[in-house]
Amino acid sequence: MWSVKLSDDQREALCVMIKAQGESYDSDLRDALRALELARWDDLPDAELPWDRVEELASEQGIDEADVVWDLAGGMPSKAKRPLLAAHPKTPQTRV
């Protein structure tokens, strides 16, 4: 799979080239045309990573920042979890 960011003009030029094939284009080109017509990169926000936290996690684990980014992309939380407070065990009440 390839990913590419196109300007609106570039995207439109590709659509025109595919449509110029006439009815002879196959299902792959039809799917590509549909994807191009739906694609609007300017509607998507730019991705942001907490680089301070990435560096901190990499340092703590002794790994590269790229490995931390991979972990974050896989669903690892970027913020440290709060330590759980130990619940006080209930002491049984005895009647005297």
N, C-alpha and C. Protein backbone atom coordinates (compact mmCIF):
# COMPACT_ATOMS: atom_id res chain seq x y z
N MET A 1 0.84 -1.17 0.00
CA MET A 1 0.00 0.00 0.00
C MET A 1 0.89 1.23 0.00
N TRP A 2 0.50 2.20 -0.79
CA TRP A 2 1.23 3.46 -0.88
C TRP A 2 0.37 4.56 -0.30
N SER A 3 1.02 5.53 0.24
CA SER A 3 0.33 6.71 0.74
C SER A 3 1.03 7.93 0.17
N VAL A 4 0.24 8.87 -0.31
CA VAL A 4 0.81 10.06 -0.92
C VAL A 4 -0.08 11.26 -0.60
N LYS A 5 0.53 12.39 -0.40
CA LYS A 5 -0.23 13.61 -0.14
C LYS A 5 -0.20 14.44 -1.41
N LEU A 6 -1.37 14.75 -1.92
CA LEU A 6 -1.49 15.48 -3.18
C LEU A 6 -2.18 16.82 -2.93
N SER A 7 -1.82 17.79 -3.73
CA SER A 7 -2.57 19.05 -3.71
C SER A 7 -3.91 18.80 -4.40
N ASP A 8 -4.84 19.71 -4.24
CA ASP A 8 -6.13 19.56 -4.91
C ASP A 8 -5.96 19.48 -6.42
N ASP A 9 -5.05 20.28 -6.96
CA ASP A 9 -4.81 20.27 -8.41
C ASP A 9 -4.23 18.93 -8.87
N GLN A 10 -3.30 18.39 -8.11
CA GLN A 10 -2.71 17.10 -8.47
C GLN A 10 -3.75 15.99 -8.40
N ARG A 11 -4.56 16.01 -7.35
CA ARG A 11 -5.61 15.02 -7.20
C ARG A 11 -6.58 15.09 -8.37
N GLU A 12 -6.96 16.30 -8.73
CA GLU A 12 -7.89 16.50 -9.84
C GLU A 12 -7.28 16.03 -11.16
N ALA A 13 -5.98 16.26 -11.36
CA ALA A 13 -5.31 15.82 -12.60
C ALA A 13 -5.32 14.29 -12.70
N LEU A 14 -5.10 13.61 -11.57
CA LEU A 14 -5.15 12.15 -11.59
C LEU A 14 -6.56 11.65 -11.92
N CYS A 15 -7.57 12.30 -11.36
CA CYS A 15 -8.95 11.92 -11.65
C CYS A 15 -9.24 12.07 -13.14
N VAL A 16 -8.78 13.17 -13.73
CA VAL A 16 -9.01 13.42 -15.16
C VAL A 16 -8.31 12.34 -15.99
N MET A 17 -7.09 11.98 -15.62
CA MET A 17 -6.35 10.95 -16.37
C MET A 17 -7.05 9.60 -16.29
N ILE A 18 -7.57 9.26 -15.14
CA ILE A 18 -8.28 7.98 -15.01
C ILE A 18 -9.57 8.01 -15.82
N LYS A 19 -10.31 9.11 -15.74
CA LYS A 19 -11.57 9.23 -16.48
C LYS A 19 -11.32 9.23 -17.99
N ALA A 20 -10.13 9.69 -18.42
CA ALA A 20 -9.80 9.73 -19.85
C ALA A 20 -9.67 8.31 -20.43
N GLN A 21 -9.54 7.32 -19.56
CA GLN A 21 -9.45 5.93 -20.03
C GLN A 21 -10.79 5.46 -20.59
N GLY A 22 -11.84 6.22 -20.35
CA GLY A 22 -13.17 5.83 -20.82
C GLY A 22 -13.71 4.67 -20.02
N GLU A 23 -14.60 3.95 -20.62
CA GLU A 23 -15.23 2.82 -19.94
C GLU A 23 -14.31 1.61 -19.83
N SER A 24 -13.13 1.71 -20.44
CA SER A 24 -12.26 0.54 -20.49
C SER A 24 -11.46 0.32 -19.21
N TYR A 25 -11.49 1.28 -18.28
CA TYR A 25 -10.65 1.06 -17.11
C TYR A 25 -11.25 0.00 -16.19
N ASP A 26 -10.35 -0.74 -15.53
CA ASP A 26 -10.77 -1.89 -14.73
C ASP A 26 -11.20 -1.47 -13.33
N SER A 27 -11.55 -2.46 -12.52
CA SER A 27 -12.07 -2.17 -11.18
C SER A 27 -11.02 -1.51 -10.29
N ASP A 28 -9.73 -1.82 -10.50
CA ASP A 28 -8.69 -1.18 -9.69
C ASP A 28 -8.65 0.32 -9.93
N LEU A 29 -8.72 0.71 -11.20
CA LEU A 29 -8.73 2.15 -11.51
C LEU A 29 -10.03 2.80 -11.03
N ARG A 30 -11.13 2.07 -11.12
CA ARG A 30 -12.40 2.60 -10.62
C ARG A 30 -12.32 2.84 -9.12
N ASP A 31 -11.72 1.89 -8.39
CA ASP A 31 -11.53 2.04 -6.94
C ASP A 31 -10.58 3.19 -6.62
N ALA A 32 -9.53 3.33 -7.42
CA ALA A 32 -8.58 4.43 -7.22
C ALA A 32 -9.27 5.77 -7.44
N LEU A 33 -10.11 5.83 -8.46
CA LEU A 33 -10.85 7.06 -8.74
C LEU A 33 -11.79 7.39 -7.58
N ARG A 34 -12.46 6.40 -7.06
CA ARG A 34 -13.37 6.63 -5.93
C ARG A 34 -12.59 7.12 -4.72
N ALA A 35 -11.42 6.52 -4.47
CA ALA A 35 -10.59 6.95 -3.33
C ALA A 35 -10.10 8.38 -3.51
N LEU A 36 -9.70 8.72 -4.74
CA LEU A 36 -9.24 10.09 -5.01
C LEU A 36 -10.36 11.11 -4.82
N GLU A 37 -11.56 10.72 -5.20
CA GLU A 37 -12.68 11.64 -5.06
C GLU A 37 -13.06 11.84 -3.59
N LEU A 38 -12.80 10.84 -2.76
CA LEU A 38 -13.11 10.95 -1.34
C LEU A 38 -11.99 11.60 -0.53
N ALA A 39 -10.79 11.60 -1.10
CA ALA A 39 -9.62 12.08 -0.35
C ALA A 39 -9.62 13.60 -0.23
N ARG A 40 -9.48 14.06 0.98
CA ARG A 40 -9.37 15.50 1.25
C ARG A 40 -8.38 15.66 2.40
N TRP A 41 -7.10 15.76 2.06
CA TRP A 41 -6.07 15.83 3.10
C TRP A 41 -6.22 17.07 3.97
N ASP A 42 -6.74 18.15 3.40
CA ASP A 42 -6.83 19.38 4.18
C ASP A 42 -7.89 19.27 5.28
N ASP A 43 -8.74 18.25 5.22
CA ASP A 43 -9.74 18.03 6.27
C ASP A 43 -9.15 17.31 7.47
N LEU A 44 -7.97 16.76 7.31
CA LEU A 44 -7.36 15.99 8.40
C LEU A 44 -6.40 16.85 9.20
N PRO A 45 -6.42 16.73 10.52
CA PRO A 45 -5.47 17.49 11.33
C PRO A 45 -4.07 16.90 11.21
N ASP A 46 -3.07 17.73 11.40
CA ASP A 46 -1.70 17.22 11.41
C ASP A 46 -1.50 16.40 12.68
N ALA A 47 -0.77 15.33 12.53
CA ALA A 47 -0.49 14.46 13.68
C ALA A 47 0.50 15.14 14.61
N GLU A 48 0.29 14.96 15.88
CA GLU A 48 1.20 15.53 16.87
C GLU A 48 1.58 14.44 17.86
N LEU A 49 2.83 14.42 18.23
CA LEU A 49 3.31 13.47 19.24
C LEU A 49 3.90 14.24 20.41
N PRO A 50 3.72 13.71 21.61
CA PRO A 50 4.32 14.35 22.78
C PRO A 50 5.81 14.00 22.85
N TRP A 51 6.64 14.77 22.13
CA TRP A 51 8.05 14.40 21.98
C TRP A 51 8.79 14.33 23.31
N ASP A 52 8.44 15.19 24.26
CA ASP A 52 9.09 15.10 25.57
C ASP A 52 8.82 13.74 26.20
N ARG A 53 7.58 13.29 26.09
CA ARG A 53 7.21 11.99 26.65
C ARG A 53 7.85 10.86 25.85
N VAL A 54 7.95 11.00 24.54
CA VAL A 54 8.61 9.99 23.71
C VAL A 54 10.05 9.82 24.13
N GLU A 55 10.76 10.95 24.31
CA GLU A 55 12.16 10.88 24.74
C GLU A 55 12.28 10.26 26.13
N GLU A 56 11.37 10.62 27.02
CA GLU A 56 11.39 10.08 28.38
C GLU A 56 11.17 8.56 28.37
N LEU A 57 10.19 8.11 27.60
CA LEU A 57 9.91 6.67 27.52
C LEU A 57 11.08 5.92 26.89
N ALA A 58 11.68 6.50 25.87
CA ALA A 58 12.83 5.86 25.22
C ALA A 58 13.99 5.73 26.20
N SER A 59 14.24 6.77 26.95
CA SER A 59 15.32 6.76 27.93
C SER A 59 15.06 5.73 29.03
N GLU A 60 13.83 5.70 29.53
CA GLU A 60 13.48 4.75 30.60
C GLU A 60 13.64 3.30 30.15
N GLN A 61 13.30 3.03 28.89
CA GLN A 61 13.31 1.66 28.39
C GLN A 61 14.62 1.29 27.68
N GLY A 62 15.47 2.28 27.46
CA GLY A 62 16.72 2.02 26.76
C GLY A 62 16.52 1.66 25.30
N ILE A 63 15.53 2.30 24.66
CA ILE A 63 15.24 2.03 23.26
C ILE A 63 15.24 3.35 22.49
N ASP A 64 15.17 3.25 21.16
CA ASP A 64 15.13 4.45 20.30
C ASP A 64 13.75 5.10 20.35
N GLU A 65 13.71 6.39 20.01
CA GLU A 65 12.46 7.11 19.93
C GLU A 65 11.53 6.48 18.89
N ALA A 66 12.11 5.96 17.80
CA ALA A 66 11.30 5.33 16.76
C ALA A 66 10.53 4.13 17.32
N ASP A 67 11.15 3.38 18.23
CA ASP A 67 10.46 2.24 18.83
C ASP A 67 9.30 2.71 19.71
N VAL A 68 9.50 3.82 20.39
CA VAL A 68 8.42 4.37 21.23
C VAL A 68 7.27 4.84 20.34
N VAL A 69 7.58 5.51 19.22
CA VAL A 69 6.54 5.95 18.30
C VAL A 69 5.77 4.74 17.78
N TRP A 70 6.47 3.67 17.47
CA TRP A 70 5.82 2.44 17.01
C TRP A 70 4.87 1.92 18.09
N ASP A 71 5.34 1.92 19.34
CA ASP A 71 4.49 1.46 20.44
C ASP A 71 3.27 2.35 20.61
N LEU A 72 3.46 3.66 20.50
CA LEU A 72 2.34 4.59 20.62
C LEU A 72 1.32 4.36 19.50
N ALA A 73 1.81 4.10 18.29
CA ALA A 73 0.92 3.84 17.17
C ALA A 73 0.13 2.56 17.39
N GLY A 74 0.71 1.64 18.17
CA GLY A 74 0.04 0.38 18.45
C GLY A 74 -0.94 0.45 19.61
N GLY A 75 -1.07 1.63 20.22
CA GLY A 75 -2.06 1.78 21.28
C GLY A 75 -1.51 1.98 22.67
N MET A 76 -0.18 2.02 22.82
CA MET A 76 0.38 2.25 24.14
C MET A 76 0.02 3.66 24.59
N PRO A 77 -0.45 3.84 25.84
CA PRO A 77 -0.79 5.19 26.28
C PRO A 77 0.45 6.06 26.40
N SER A 78 0.32 7.33 26.01
CA SER A 78 1.48 8.22 26.06
C SER A 78 1.72 8.76 27.46
N LYS A 79 0.68 8.78 28.27
CA LYS A 79 0.82 9.28 29.63
C LYS A 79 1.01 8.12 30.59
N ALA A 80 1.83 8.36 31.59
CA ALA A 80 2.04 7.33 32.60
C ALA A 80 0.76 7.13 33.40
N LYS A 81 0.51 5.89 33.73
CA LYS A 81 -0.66 5.61 34.54
C LYS A 81 -0.38 6.02 35.97
N ARG A 82 -1.42 6.48 36.62
CA ARG A 82 -1.27 6.84 38.02
C ARG A 82 -1.12 5.57 38.84
N PRO A 83 -0.24 5.61 39.83
CA PRO A 83 -0.12 4.42 40.66
C PRO A 83 -1.40 4.21 41.46
N LEU A 84 -1.82 2.98 41.55
CA LEU A 84 -3.03 2.67 42.29
C LEU A 84 -2.72 2.69 43.78
N LEU A 85 -3.61 3.27 44.53
CA LEU A 85 -3.45 3.28 45.98
C LEU A 85 -3.91 1.94 46.52
N ALA A 86 -3.12 1.40 47.42
CA ALA A 86 -3.49 0.11 48.01
C ALA A 86 -4.67 0.34 48.94
N ALA A 87 -5.67 -0.49 48.77
CA ALA A 87 -6.84 -0.38 49.63
C ALA A 87 -6.49 -0.95 51.00
N HIS A 88 -6.97 -0.30 52.02
CA HIS A 88 -6.72 -0.80 53.38
C HIS A 88 -7.62 -2.01 53.61
N PRO A 89 -7.01 -3.10 54.05
CA PRO A 89 -7.85 -4.28 54.30
C PRO A 89 -8.75 -4.00 55.50
N LYS A 90 -9.95 -4.45 55.38
CA LYS A 90 -10.88 -4.25 56.47
C LYS A 90 -10.55 -5.24 57.58
N THR A 91 -10.46 -4.71 58.77
CA THR A 91 -10.21 -5.62 59.90
C THR A 91 -11.56 -6.13 60.39
N PRO A 92 -11.61 -7.41 60.59
CA PRO A 92 -12.88 -7.97 61.06
C PRO A 92 -13.25 -7.42 62.42
N GLN A 93 -14.47 -7.12 62.59
CA GLN A 93 -14.93 -6.63 63.88
C GLN A 93 -15.35 -7.81 64.74
N THR A 94 -14.90 -7.79 65.94
CA THR A 94 -15.26 -8.85 66.87
C THR A 94 -16.05 -8.25 68.03
N ARG A 95 -16.97 -9.01 68.49
CA ARG A 95 -17.73 -8.56 69.65
C ARG A 95 -17.07 -9.10 70.92
N VAL A 96 -17.01 -8.26 71.88
CA VAL A 96 -16.41 -8.67 73.14
C VAL A 96 -17.46 -8.78 74.19
